[in-house]
Structure formats: structure tokens, C-alpha cells
Amino acid sequence: MTSSIQVADHAGVRELRLNRPDVHNAFDDRLIAELTTALHAAGSDPAVRVVVLTGEGASFSAGADLNWMRGMAKAGEAENREDSLRLAALMRTLQFLPKPTVARVNGAAYGGGVGLIACCDIAIGVDSAKFGLTEVRLGLVPAVISPYVMAAIGVRQARRLFLTGEIFDAETAARIGLLHEAVAAEYLDDAVHTVLKHLAKAGPSAQREAKQLAFNMHGLTEAAAERLDLENAALIARLRVSEEGQEGLGAFLDKRTPAWM
């Protein structure tokens, strides 16, 4: 069976590539588990200076896998909560990884894919990419990823995007802070390489302390994030089994208009 994550090392840079291109690198239980494990391994490996996260194929990540969503739509509240906690642990691991992290955004990102980008220290994407936090269209909310997205783009932008579920382009993503740069596809690797050259010039211990300093100045701690994850996992579990959540998920999976429209 092909791994959901491809791992490659070069000169202190560990690339973690989401490897489900046939479903636009959508999340399922296996991808979440493999990526979490790969991040822990990179964080504890002294040979790794920087982690680059990217996607195989045309997309960065389309968010939740359809089959995974079908399973969660049929599951009870407790199972949904445990499922959400696994995704929350992935996001928290990436956010607080003790190494610099770079999102190489090779294409579209939705839902949890946006969360991964927000958790990275630096994000560079192609100017053709589209983004969306479309959970409200399913009668849900982007609960698990919300602390990281809000830290990246701010409350004001999050309020709009959480409420509308609208799709936005790479120019907007850069303007609101989700991306640091949006570049033409042919320049993506050059732009990432430039960032890697800058990162290579810094002391690794100083980088670790600088990352922690930024978190401390904004009151962001791993312990606090874990507490929020428990609350947000309970929230999304409750919404998934609610009448509106079931209607939204059912309408999406059946490719029909939800009742509230």
C-alpha cells in the first residue's frame, strides 16, 4: 500500500509531501496518523533543520476525504469527538514543532488544508491557488483549525470567512496573512529555496527560541492549545450529529441542495 506521506531529506531539509493526488490530498485517518508521526520524527531528528510541507499533484489539500466524511456522518458524537481530537493533535504538533516549518502551497487548499498552512511558520503558494473555509455550507464550523487560522489571519478576516464559506484566491490569501508570498507556479521552488537559504544562515537553537518567543508574546502555549482542542472537538462532534449537520453533510455527499437553501 502506498504511503499517504512521502518523506525526502536534502541538506538538512526534510520535505513531507501529502501523497494522495487522486483525491487532491484529502485527509483521512491514515493520512492524519502518518503525517503526525512524520512530524514528530522530524521534530526530534537533530539532522533536520527545516521541514517543508507540500502536496503531490495539482492540489495542496482538499480537506476532508469524502469516504471519511461518510463515516463520520454515520458515527455517534463520542466517535466524532475522538476523530476530531486526532486532527487537532496533528495541527498542534505542526504548530509547535521545534523546527522552522515552510508550507510550499502547490495548489488549492480547503478546510483542514488551510489549517496546515496556518500552522506553518512560513507559507509560499502559487498565485493560481484557491482557498476556502467552507464548513458552514455543510452546517458545520472550522472548529479544530480555528485557533491556528485566526492566529494567521486575525479575528476580523476569520469572522468573514468562517461565516460566508466563500472561496478566495491567492492574492487575497497573501493580503490577509495566510500566505507570505503568492508567486507564479514556475517560481514556486525558487521562492521556497530563497527562504530556505535565509533559514540556513540562522542558529538552530536561536530559531527554536525565536519561534517560542513569538508564541509567548501572544500567549500561545501548547497546553492552552490542547485545552482549546478539547472544547473544539466537542463542538464539531455535536454539530456533526445535529439535525443541521446531518442535513448539510447528507446534501453534500448526495450532491443536492441543503434544506436551508
Protein backbone atom coordinates (compact mmCIF):
# COMPACT_ATOMS: atom_id res chain seq x y z
CA MET A 1 0.00 0.00 0.00
CA THR A 2 1.36 3.43 -0.96
CA SER A 3 2.16 5.73 1.95
CA SER A 4 -0.01 8.82 2.37
CA ILE A 5 3.14 10.82 3.08
CA GLN A 6 6.36 10.92 1.06
CA VAL A 7 9.48 11.83 3.05
CA ALA A 8 12.65 13.18 1.45
CA ASP A 9 15.80 14.69 3.01
CA HIS A 10 18.27 17.07 1.42
CA ALA A 11 20.94 19.11 3.19
CA GLY A 12 19.05 19.37 6.47
CA VAL A 13 15.67 19.98 4.84
CA ARG A 14 13.00 17.35 5.34
CA GLU A 15 10.18 17.50 2.82
CA LEU A 16 6.88 15.95 3.83
CA ARG A 17 4.67 15.57 0.78
CA LEU A 18 0.98 14.72 1.07
CA ASN A 19 0.65 11.79 -1.32
CA ARG A 20 -2.99 11.24 -2.22
CA PRO A 21 -3.14 13.17 -5.51
CA ASP A 22 -6.10 11.15 -6.82
CA VAL A 23 -8.28 12.74 -4.10
CA HIS A 24 -6.44 16.09 -4.02
CA ASN A 25 -4.53 15.06 -0.89
CA ALA A 26 -7.70 14.94 1.19
CA PHE A 27 -7.49 13.92 4.83
CA ASP A 28 -8.45 10.50 6.11
CA ASP A 29 -7.48 8.66 9.31
CA ARG A 30 -4.39 7.19 7.69
CA LEU A 31 -3.02 10.47 6.34
CA ILE A 32 -3.60 12.18 9.69
CA ALA A 33 -1.79 9.40 11.57
CA GLU A 34 1.12 9.20 9.12
CA LEU A 35 1.65 12.96 8.97
CA THR A 36 1.51 13.29 12.76
CA THR A 37 4.12 10.52 13.10
CA ALA A 38 6.32 12.07 10.40
CA LEU A 39 6.20 15.47 12.11
CA HIS A 40 7.19 14.01 15.48
CA ALA A 41 10.10 12.21 13.79
CA ALA A 42 11.27 15.40 12.06
CA GLY A 43 10.96 17.42 15.25
CA SER A 44 13.19 15.02 17.20
CA ASP A 45 15.80 14.38 14.48
CA PRO A 46 18.91 16.53 15.06
CA ALA A 47 19.84 16.22 11.38
CA VAL A 48 16.66 18.06 10.34
CA ARG A 49 16.95 21.85 10.30
CA VAL A 50 13.76 22.75 8.42
CA VAL A 51 10.53 20.97 7.50
CA VAL A 52 8.82 21.73 4.17
CA LEU A 53 5.21 20.62 3.80
CA THR A 54 3.71 20.32 0.32
CA GLY A 55 1.30 18.29 -1.78
CA GLU A 56 1.68 15.86 -4.66
CA GLY A 57 -0.19 16.67 -7.85
CA ALA A 58 -2.41 19.65 -8.58
CA SER A 59 -3.63 20.42 -5.03
CA PHE A 60 -2.13 21.12 -1.64
CA SER A 61 -5.05 19.56 0.27
CA ALA A 62 -8.79 19.49 -0.33
CA GLY A 63 -9.58 18.99 3.36
CA ALA A 64 -11.74 16.05 4.42
CA ASP A 65 -11.89 12.90 2.30
CA LEU A 66 -15.40 12.04 1.09
CA ASN A 67 -15.32 8.47 2.41
CA TRP A 68 -14.02 9.74 5.74
CA MET A 69 -16.88 12.25 5.84
CA ARG A 70 -19.41 9.49 5.11
CA GLY A 71 -18.07 7.52 8.03
CA MET A 72 -18.21 10.47 10.38
CA ALA A 73 -21.74 11.36 9.26
CA LYS A 74 -22.86 7.89 10.39
CA ALA A 75 -20.82 7.88 13.61
CA GLY A 76 -22.00 8.92 17.04
CA GLU A 77 -20.95 12.01 18.96
CA ALA A 78 -18.27 10.24 21.01
CA GLU A 79 -16.61 8.73 17.92
CA ASN A 80 -16.74 12.09 16.15
CA ARG A 81 -15.08 13.74 19.13
CA GLU A 82 -12.22 11.22 19.13
CA ASP A 83 -11.82 11.66 15.39
CA SER A 84 -11.62 15.44 15.80
CA LEU A 85 -9.05 15.10 18.57
CA ARG A 86 -6.74 13.18 16.22
CA LEU A 87 -6.92 16.01 13.68
CA ALA A 88 -6.41 18.53 16.47
CA ALA A 89 -3.28 16.69 17.61
CA LEU A 90 -1.89 16.88 14.06
CA MET A 91 -2.44 20.64 13.87
CA ARG A 92 -0.98 21.20 17.32
CA THR A 93 2.07 19.11 16.50
CA LEU A 94 2.75 21.16 13.37
CA GLN A 95 2.11 24.48 15.08
CA PHE A 96 4.53 23.83 17.94
CA LEU A 97 7.15 21.82 16.06
CA PRO A 98 10.58 22.91 17.43
CA LYS A 99 11.95 23.45 13.91
CA PRO A 100 11.14 26.08 11.25
CA THR A 101 8.30 24.94 9.01
CA VAL A 102 7.56 26.08 5.45
CA ALA A 103 4.32 25.43 3.58
CA ARG A 104 5.02 25.01 -0.13
CA VAL A 105 1.45 25.52 -1.33
CA ASN A 106 1.41 23.95 -4.78
CA GLY A 107 -2.34 24.29 -5.35
CA ALA A 108 -5.77 24.60 -3.81
CA ALA A 109 -6.35 24.23 -0.06
CA TYR A 110 -9.67 23.88 1.70
CA GLY A 111 -10.72 23.27 5.31
CA GLY A 112 -8.02 21.30 7.08
CA GLY A 113 -5.61 22.12 4.25
CA VAL A 114 -5.93 25.79 5.19
CA GLY A 115 -5.27 24.74 8.78
CA LEU A 116 -1.98 23.10 7.82
CA ILE A 117 -0.86 26.26 6.03
CA ALA A 118 -1.78 28.42 9.01
CA CYS A 119 0.24 26.18 11.34
CA CYS A 120 3.44 26.61 9.34
CA ASP A 121 5.88 29.40 10.17
CA ILE A 122 6.24 30.49 6.55
CA ALA A 123 3.80 29.91 3.68
CA ILE A 124 4.52 30.43 -0.01
CA GLY A 125 1.96 29.48 -2.61
CA VAL A 126 1.22 29.53 -6.31
CA ASP A 127 -0.79 32.51 -7.46
CA SER A 128 -3.37 30.26 -9.12
CA ALA A 129 -4.35 28.51 -5.86
CA LYS A 130 -7.83 28.79 -4.39
CA PHE A 131 -8.68 28.60 -0.70
CA GLY A 132 -11.81 28.09 1.35
CA LEU A 133 -13.16 27.53 4.85
CA THR A 134 -16.45 26.12 3.60
CA GLU A 135 -17.64 24.22 6.68
CA VAL A 136 -20.72 26.42 7.25
CA ARG A 137 -22.06 25.25 3.90
CA LEU A 138 -22.29 21.81 5.50
CA GLY A 139 -23.92 23.06 8.68
CA LEU A 140 -20.56 22.82 10.48
CA VAL A 141 -17.75 25.12 11.63
CA PRO A 142 -13.93 25.01 11.20
CA ALA A 143 -13.61 24.28 14.91
CA VAL A 144 -10.37 22.31 15.19
CA ILE A 145 -8.35 24.55 12.89
CA SER A 146 -9.85 27.82 14.13
CA PRO A 147 -7.13 28.80 16.67
CA TYR A 148 -4.40 28.44 14.07
CA VAL A 149 -6.28 30.14 11.24
CA MET A 150 -7.23 33.04 13.49
CA ALA A 151 -3.63 33.42 14.65
CA ALA A 152 -2.61 33.67 10.99
CA ILE A 153 -5.29 35.97 9.57
CA GLY A 154 -6.82 37.69 12.60
CA VAL A 155 -10.30 37.77 14.06
CA ARG A 156 -11.75 40.26 11.57
CA GLN A 157 -10.87 38.22 8.47
CA ALA A 158 -11.78 34.95 10.20
CA ARG A 159 -15.26 36.25 11.06
CA ARG A 160 -16.00 36.91 7.41
CA LEU A 161 -14.53 33.69 6.03
CA PHE A 162 -15.96 31.46 8.76
CA LEU A 163 -19.44 32.93 8.18
CA THR A 164 -19.55 33.06 4.38
CA GLY A 165 -17.60 29.94 3.48
CA GLU A 166 -16.56 31.80 0.34
CA ILE A 167 -13.70 30.74 -1.92
CA PHE A 168 -10.81 33.21 -2.12
CA ASP A 169 -7.74 33.50 -4.30
CA ALA A 170 -4.01 33.53 -3.57
CA GLU A 171 -3.80 37.33 -3.77
CA THR A 172 -6.39 37.58 -1.01
CA ALA A 173 -4.64 34.83 0.98
CA ALA A 174 -1.43 36.86 0.87
CA ARG A 175 -3.20 40.11 1.73
CA ILE A 176 -4.86 38.70 4.85
CA GLY A 177 -1.77 36.84 6.07
CA LEU A 178 -2.48 33.19 5.24
CA LEU A 179 0.35 33.26 2.67
CA HIS A 180 3.53 35.27 2.98
CA GLU A 181 4.02 35.22 -0.79
CA ALA A 182 1.98 34.26 -3.85
CA VAL A 183 4.14 33.53 -6.90
CA ALA A 184 3.73 32.12 -10.38
CA ALA A 185 3.97 28.32 -10.45
CA GLU A 186 7.28 28.37 -12.31
CA TYR A 187 8.83 30.44 -9.50
CA LEU A 188 7.48 28.46 -6.54
CA ASP A 189 10.61 26.37 -5.97
CA ASP A 190 12.86 29.42 -6.35
CA ALA A 191 10.82 31.33 -3.76
CA VAL A 192 10.94 28.40 -1.33
CA HIS A 193 14.67 27.96 -1.93
CA THR A 194 15.27 31.64 -1.11
CA VAL A 195 13.50 31.20 2.23
CA LEU A 196 15.50 28.03 2.94
CA LYS A 197 18.74 29.90 2.28
CA HIS A 198 17.74 32.55 4.82
CA LEU A 199 16.80 29.89 7.37
CA ALA A 200 20.12 28.07 6.87
CA LYS A 201 22.04 31.17 7.98
CA ALA A 202 20.44 31.22 11.43
CA GLY A 203 21.46 29.28 14.52
CA PRO A 204 19.07 26.35 15.11
CA SER A 205 18.84 26.97 18.87
CA ALA A 206 18.16 30.65 18.26
CA GLN A 207 15.45 29.75 15.76
CA ARG A 208 13.80 27.45 18.27
CA GLU A 209 13.88 30.20 20.90
CA ALA A 210 12.67 32.82 18.40
CA LYS A 211 9.68 30.69 17.48
CA GLN A 212 8.84 30.20 21.16
CA LEU A 213 9.30 33.92 21.77
CA ALA A 214 6.72 34.76 19.12
CA PHE A 215 4.27 32.33 20.72
CA ASN A 216 4.94 33.67 24.21
CA MET A 217 4.38 37.28 23.18
CA HIS A 218 0.89 36.34 22.04
CA GLY A 219 0.09 33.96 24.88
CA LEU A 220 0.16 30.88 22.64
CA THR A 221 1.14 27.74 24.54
CA GLU A 222 0.82 24.08 23.69
CA ALA A 223 -1.05 23.43 26.93
CA ALA A 224 -3.59 26.15 26.16
CA ALA A 225 -3.96 24.84 22.62
CA GLU A 226 -4.67 21.36 23.95
CA ARG A 227 -7.41 22.73 26.20
CA LEU A 228 -8.96 24.54 23.25
CA ASP A 229 -8.73 21.38 21.16
CA LEU A 230 -10.85 19.51 23.70
CA GLU A 231 -13.54 22.20 23.54
CA ASN A 232 -13.45 22.48 19.76
CA ALA A 233 -13.53 18.71 19.23
CA ALA A 234 -16.63 18.53 21.40
CA LEU A 235 -18.18 21.37 19.39
CA ILE A 236 -17.62 19.82 15.97
CA ALA A 237 -18.77 16.41 17.24
CA ARG A 238 -22.01 17.96 18.49
CA LEU A 239 -22.59 19.77 15.20
CA ARG A 240 -21.88 16.71 13.05
CA VAL A 241 -24.63 14.73 14.75
CA SER A 242 -27.07 17.67 14.93
CA GLU A 243 -30.05 17.88 12.61
CA GLU A 244 -28.49 20.69 10.59
CA GLY A 245 -25.09 19.00 10.42
CA GLN A 246 -26.64 15.74 9.24
CA GLU A 247 -28.63 17.61 6.59
CA GLY A 248 -25.57 19.54 5.43
CA LEU A 249 -23.33 16.50 5.23
CA GLY A 250 -26.06 14.46 3.56
CA ALA A 251 -26.72 17.15 0.98
CA PHE A 252 -23.03 17.47 0.19
CA LEU A 253 -22.49 13.74 -0.14
CA ASP A 254 -25.69 13.31 -2.19
CA LYS A 255 -24.79 16.35 -4.36
CA ARG A 256 -28.05 18.13 -3.64
CA THR A 257 -29.06 21.49 -2.20
CA PRO A 258 -29.42 21.54 1.61
CA ALA A 259 -32.87 22.22 3.02
CA TRP A 260 -31.93 25.67 4.39
CA MET A 261 -31.41 26.97 0.84
